[in-house]
């Protein structure tokens, strides 16, 4: 392989190693303006879109320890890497593909595990990471909250009983006076 090609594969391999996810998309029928729009949407999420040759991507994935993507790396391929969470990036792709009818995801890798296009669709439908963390925390705290309420209930019931008895005695005392 020529030195410039080796350099391209090496750079791509470094990007793949640093990224917690890799999304592979078909960019057929995309115009320059579409690429710019998609890149502008991905930038706030810390993701980058790169057009690559399939052979280069296959070599870089092999060098980076990714599983074999098989026959999905055909046609015109662009790869998305990033440094943050994959769910918002998948959501951007889903929205973009719906709006423009282009740039559908072929396959994805999250922590070196292969995700199909259908699994990426499900991932795009998930709420944001912060929302999921809040829901999880709520689930973890729910049993403790119920236990505290259960332990407080006998004392609360006794307090209500004593208050009702005091009010009743006060009402009886006023009636006799």
Protein backbone atom coordinates (compact mmCIF):
# COMPACT_ATOMS: atom_id res chain seq x y z
CA UNK A 1 0.00 0.00 0.00
CA UNK A 2 1.27 3.46 -0.86
CA UNK A 3 2.38 5.72 2.03
CA UNK A 4 -0.48 8.22 1.59
CA UNK A 5 -3.05 5.42 1.75
CA UNK A 6 -1.35 3.97 4.81
CA UNK A 7 -1.54 7.39 6.43
CA UNK A 8 -5.28 7.68 5.67
CA UNK A 9 -5.96 4.24 7.15
CA UNK A 10 -3.84 5.07 10.19
CA UNK A 11 -5.70 8.36 10.82
CA UNK A 12 -9.06 6.65 10.42
CA UNK A 13 -7.96 3.85 12.72
CA UNK A 14 -7.02 6.41 15.40
CA UNK A 15 -10.45 8.05 15.11
CA UNK A 16 -12.17 4.67 15.46
CA UNK A 17 -10.11 3.78 18.54
CA UNK A 18 -10.93 7.09 20.30
CA UNK A 19 -14.66 6.98 19.58
CA UNK A 20 -17.07 5.04 21.84
CA UNK A 21 -19.30 4.56 18.81
CA UNK A 22 -19.06 4.33 15.04
CA UNK A 23 -22.05 4.77 12.74
CA UNK A 24 -21.83 3.81 9.09
CA UNK A 25 -24.19 5.49 6.64
CA UNK A 26 -24.90 5.47 2.94
CA UNK A 27 -24.45 8.95 1.49
CA UNK A 28 -25.81 8.18 -1.96
CA UNK A 29 -27.83 11.10 -3.43
CA UNK A 30 -26.45 13.55 -0.85
CA UNK A 31 -25.37 16.94 -2.15
CA UNK A 32 -22.72 19.21 -0.66
CA UNK A 33 -25.41 21.30 1.06
CA UNK A 34 -26.86 18.15 2.64
CA UNK A 35 -23.43 17.20 3.98
CA UNK A 36 -23.00 20.66 5.44
CA UNK A 37 -26.42 20.53 7.09
CA UNK A 38 -25.74 17.10 8.59
CA UNK A 39 -22.29 18.12 9.82
CA UNK A 40 -23.76 21.25 11.41
CA UNK A 41 -26.34 19.15 13.25
CA UNK A 42 -23.72 16.64 14.43
CA UNK A 43 -21.14 19.20 15.61
CA UNK A 44 -22.94 20.20 18.87
CA UNK A 45 -23.01 16.52 19.84
CA UNK A 46 -19.24 16.21 19.37
CA UNK A 47 -19.64 13.94 16.33
CA UNK A 48 -17.84 14.09 12.99
CA UNK A 49 -18.87 12.79 9.56
CA UNK A 50 -16.18 11.52 7.18
CA UNK A 51 -16.48 10.07 3.69
CA UNK A 52 -14.21 7.04 3.36
CA UNK A 53 -13.45 4.32 0.89
CA UNK A 54 -14.85 0.97 1.95
CA UNK A 55 -11.43 -0.73 1.69
CA UNK A 56 -9.87 1.91 3.93
CA UNK A 57 -12.67 1.57 6.46
CA UNK A 58 -12.40 -2.23 6.49
CA UNK A 59 -8.64 -2.04 7.12
CA UNK A 60 -9.01 0.63 9.80
CA UNK A 61 -11.72 -1.39 11.54
CA UNK A 62 -9.54 -4.51 11.48
CA UNK A 63 -6.60 -2.51 12.86
CA UNK A 64 -8.83 -1.06 15.60
CA UNK A 65 -10.22 -4.41 16.75
CA UNK A 66 -13.75 -4.03 15.39
CA UNK A 67 -15.69 -7.12 14.36
CA UNK A 68 -16.10 -7.84 10.66
CA UNK A 69 -18.93 -5.76 9.21
CA UNK A 70 -19.36 -8.21 6.35
CA UNK A 71 -21.24 -7.11 3.30
CA UNK A 72 -22.70 -3.94 4.81
CA UNK A 73 -19.66 -1.91 3.74
CA UNK A 74 -20.66 -1.52 0.12
CA UNK A 75 -21.67 1.45 -1.96
CA UNK A 76 -20.94 5.02 -0.95
CA UNK A 77 -19.97 5.03 2.70
CA UNK A 78 -19.58 7.76 5.28
CA UNK A 79 -18.59 7.11 8.87
CA UNK A 80 -19.59 9.05 11.99
CA UNK A 81 -17.40 9.05 15.07
CA UNK A 82 -17.70 11.04 18.25
CA UNK A 83 -16.62 11.45 21.81
CA UNK A 84 -19.98 11.60 23.60
CA UNK A 85 -23.17 9.56 23.75
CA UNK A 86 -24.43 7.73 20.67
CA UNK A 87 -28.19 8.14 21.30
CA UNK A 88 -28.43 11.86 20.40
CA UNK A 89 -26.34 11.25 17.27
CA UNK A 90 -28.61 8.38 16.20
CA UNK A 91 -31.60 10.66 16.85
CA UNK A 92 -30.08 13.33 14.58
CA UNK A 93 -29.62 10.76 11.83
CA UNK A 94 -33.17 9.51 12.19
CA UNK A 95 -34.55 13.06 11.97
CA UNK A 96 -32.27 13.94 9.05
CA UNK A 97 -33.18 10.78 7.13
CA UNK A 98 -36.88 11.49 7.68
CA UNK A 99 -36.60 15.10 6.52
CA UNK A 100 -34.37 14.59 3.49
CA UNK A 101 -35.05 10.91 2.61
CA UNK A 102 -31.27 10.32 2.46
CA UNK A 103 -28.39 9.23 4.71
CA UNK A 104 -29.88 6.14 6.24
CA UNK A 105 -27.73 4.24 8.71
CA UNK A 106 -26.38 0.90 7.54
CA UNK A 107 -24.75 -0.41 10.69
CA UNK A 108 -23.33 0.84 13.96
CA UNK A 109 -20.81 -0.13 16.59
CA UNK A 110 -21.14 0.80 20.24
CA UNK A 111 -18.22 -0.29 22.41
CA UNK A 112 -17.15 -2.60 19.56
CA UNK A 113 -20.53 -4.41 19.52
CA UNK A 114 -22.40 -4.49 16.20
CA UNK A 115 -25.82 -2.83 16.04
CA UNK A 116 -28.15 -3.31 13.09
CA UNK A 117 -30.07 -0.47 11.47
CA UNK A 118 -33.21 -1.54 13.39
CA UNK A 119 -31.33 -1.47 16.70
CA UNK A 120 -30.00 1.99 15.87
CA UNK A 121 -33.61 3.12 15.26
CA UNK A 122 -34.54 1.89 18.74
CA UNK A 123 -31.51 3.66 20.17
CA UNK A 124 -32.60 6.89 18.49
CA UNK A 125 -36.00 6.63 20.18
CA UNK A 126 -34.49 6.51 23.67
CA UNK A 127 -34.66 9.63 25.83
CA UNK A 128 -31.48 11.58 26.54
CA UNK A 129 -28.89 10.07 28.86
CA UNK A 130 -29.68 12.55 31.66
CA UNK A 131 -33.38 11.64 31.53
CA UNK A 132 -32.56 7.94 31.68
CA UNK A 133 -30.23 8.52 34.61
CA UNK A 134 -32.97 10.44 36.43
CA UNK A 135 -35.48 7.65 35.80
CA UNK A 136 -32.99 5.07 37.02
CA UNK A 137 -32.26 7.07 40.15
CA UNK A 138 -36.01 7.35 40.79
CA UNK A 139 -36.32 3.57 40.49
CA UNK A 140 -33.46 3.06 42.92
CA UNK A 141 -34.91 5.52 45.45
CA UNK A 142 -38.52 4.30 45.24
CA UNK A 143 -38.12 1.30 47.62
CA UNK A 144 -36.29 3.42 50.20
CA UNK A 145 -38.97 6.11 50.00
CA UNK A 146 -41.72 3.53 50.48
CA UNK A 147 -39.87 2.04 53.45
CA UNK A 148 -39.54 5.43 55.14
CA UNK A 149 -43.25 6.12 54.61
CA UNK A 150 -44.11 2.69 55.98
CA UNK A 151 -41.96 3.23 59.07
CA UNK A 152 -43.44 6.71 59.63
CA UNK A 153 -47.05 5.58 59.25
CA UNK A 154 -47.61 4.11 62.77
CA UNK A 155 -46.27 7.28 64.37
CA UNK A 156 -48.40 9.44 62.08
CA UNK A 157 -51.47 7.34 62.79
CA UNK A 158 -50.87 7.64 66.55
CA UNK A 159 -50.43 11.43 66.24
CA UNK A 160 -53.70 11.71 64.27
CA UNK A 161 -55.48 9.56 66.87
CA UNK A 162 -54.20 11.69 69.78
CA UNK A 163 -55.12 14.90 67.95
CA UNK A 164 -58.65 13.61 67.26
CA UNK A 165 -59.03 12.54 70.90
CA UNK A 166 -57.81 15.94 72.13
CA UNK A 167 -60.21 17.74 69.79
CA UNK A 168 -63.06 15.52 70.97
CA UNK A 169 -62.25 16.17 74.65
CA UNK A 170 -61.97 19.88 73.90
CA UNK A 171 -65.38 19.81 72.21
CA UNK A 172 -66.90 17.91 75.16
CA UNK A 173 -65.36 20.36 77.64
CA UNK A 174 -66.81 23.34 75.74
CA UNK A 175 -70.22 21.68 75.57
CA UNK A 176 -70.35 21.13 79.34
CA UNK A 177 -69.13 24.61 80.19
